[in-house]
Protein backbone atom coordinates (compact mmCIF):
# COMPACT_ATOMS: atom_id res chain seq x y z
CA MET A 1 -112.39 32.61 33.32
CA LYS A 2 -113.28 34.88 36.19
CA GLY A 3 -116.24 37.16 36.55
CA LYS A 4 -119.96 37.22 37.01
CA MET A 5 -122.00 34.18 36.08
CA ARG A 6 -125.22 34.84 34.20
CA VAL A 7 -127.83 32.11 33.81
CA TYR A 8 -130.68 32.45 31.33
CA TYR A 9 -133.45 29.92 30.78
CA ASP A 10 -136.12 30.18 28.08
CA GLU A 11 -138.93 27.85 29.13
CA GLU A 12 -140.82 28.07 25.84
CA GLY A 13 -137.73 27.17 23.82
CA ASP A 14 -136.35 24.88 26.57
CA TYR A 15 -132.95 26.54 26.24
CA LEU A 16 -130.45 27.08 29.08
CA GLU A 17 -127.49 29.41 28.66
CA ILE A 18 -124.74 30.07 31.18
CA ARG A 19 -122.19 32.84 30.58
CA VAL A 20 -119.17 33.78 32.68
CA GLY A 21 -117.17 37.01 32.68
CA GLU A 22 -117.61 40.25 30.78
CA GLN A 23 -119.45 40.15 27.48
CA SER A 24 -117.12 39.92 24.51
CA GLU A 25 -117.18 39.01 20.86
CA ASN A 26 -117.57 35.24 20.80
CA TYR A 27 -118.49 32.30 18.62
CA GLY A 28 -120.32 29.04 19.25
CA GLU A 29 -118.93 25.56 18.76
CA GLU A 30 -121.36 22.62 18.89
CA ILE A 31 -119.77 19.91 21.03
CA SER A 32 -122.68 17.44 20.96
CA ASP A 33 -126.34 17.34 19.95
CA ASP A 34 -128.01 20.50 21.27
CA VAL A 35 -124.95 21.56 23.32
CA THR A 36 -122.86 24.56 22.28
CA ILE A 37 -119.89 26.12 24.01
CA PHE A 38 -119.13 29.79 23.42
CA LYS A 39 -115.52 30.94 23.07
CA ASP A 40 -114.00 34.42 23.17
CA GLU A 41 -112.89 35.37 19.64
CA THR A 42 -109.63 36.89 20.87
CA THR A 43 -108.47 34.46 23.56
CA ASP A 44 -110.34 31.29 22.51
CA GLU A 45 -111.28 30.93 26.20
CA VAL A 46 -114.63 29.28 26.98
CA VAL A 47 -117.07 31.98 28.12
CA GLY A 48 -120.33 30.05 28.18
CA ILE A 49 -122.44 27.06 27.32
CA GLY A 50 -125.89 26.70 25.75
CA ILE A 51 -128.10 23.63 26.07
CA LEU A 52 -131.14 23.19 23.84
CA ASN A 53 -133.89 20.80 25.06
CA PHE A 54 -132.52 21.28 28.57
CA LYS A 55 -135.45 19.80 30.54
CA LYS A 56 -135.60 16.82 28.21
CA LYS A 57 -131.89 16.22 28.76
CA ALA A 58 -132.32 16.73 32.52
CA LYS A 59 -134.94 13.93 32.55
CA SER A 60 -137.89 15.38 34.41
CA SER A 61 -136.31 17.06 37.45
CA ILE A 62 -133.64 19.72 37.52
CA ASN A 63 -133.46 19.62 41.32
CA ASN A 64 -130.73 16.97 41.29
CA LEU A 65 -129.07 17.96 38.03
CA GLU A 66 -125.29 18.03 37.79
CA ILE A 67 -123.51 19.34 34.72
CA ASP A 68 -119.74 19.48 34.29
CA LEU A 69 -118.85 22.74 32.55
CA PRO A 70 -115.55 23.12 30.71
CA ILE A 71 -114.72 26.34 32.61
CA ASP A 72 -113.06 27.42 35.85
CA ILE A 73 -114.88 29.94 38.01
CA GLY A 74 -113.08 32.07 40.57
CA LEU A 75 -115.17 32.52 43.72
CA PHE A 76 -114.27 34.91 46.51
CA ALA A 77 -115.89 36.39 49.59
CA ARG A 78 -116.77 40.06 49.53
CA THR A 79 -117.76 42.22 52.49
CA ILE A 80 -120.91 44.23 51.86
CA GLU A 81 -121.37 47.36 53.91
């Protein structure tokens, strides 16, 4: 999946969501307690992940948090004029 990465965090609900690529019709599939992956309805490609109770799962500090996402992200350098 290539495209922009959007990160949304709702502090009150303690919910983190990360989406990659253009918005498309998608569905969620719970892969473990409070963790949902979102897949494109047409391609079945993973387009995002949602984590409920994120801070609780991160155990106090998100400064050193590492999460393996089941997606590939294409990064490239762009010249800005």
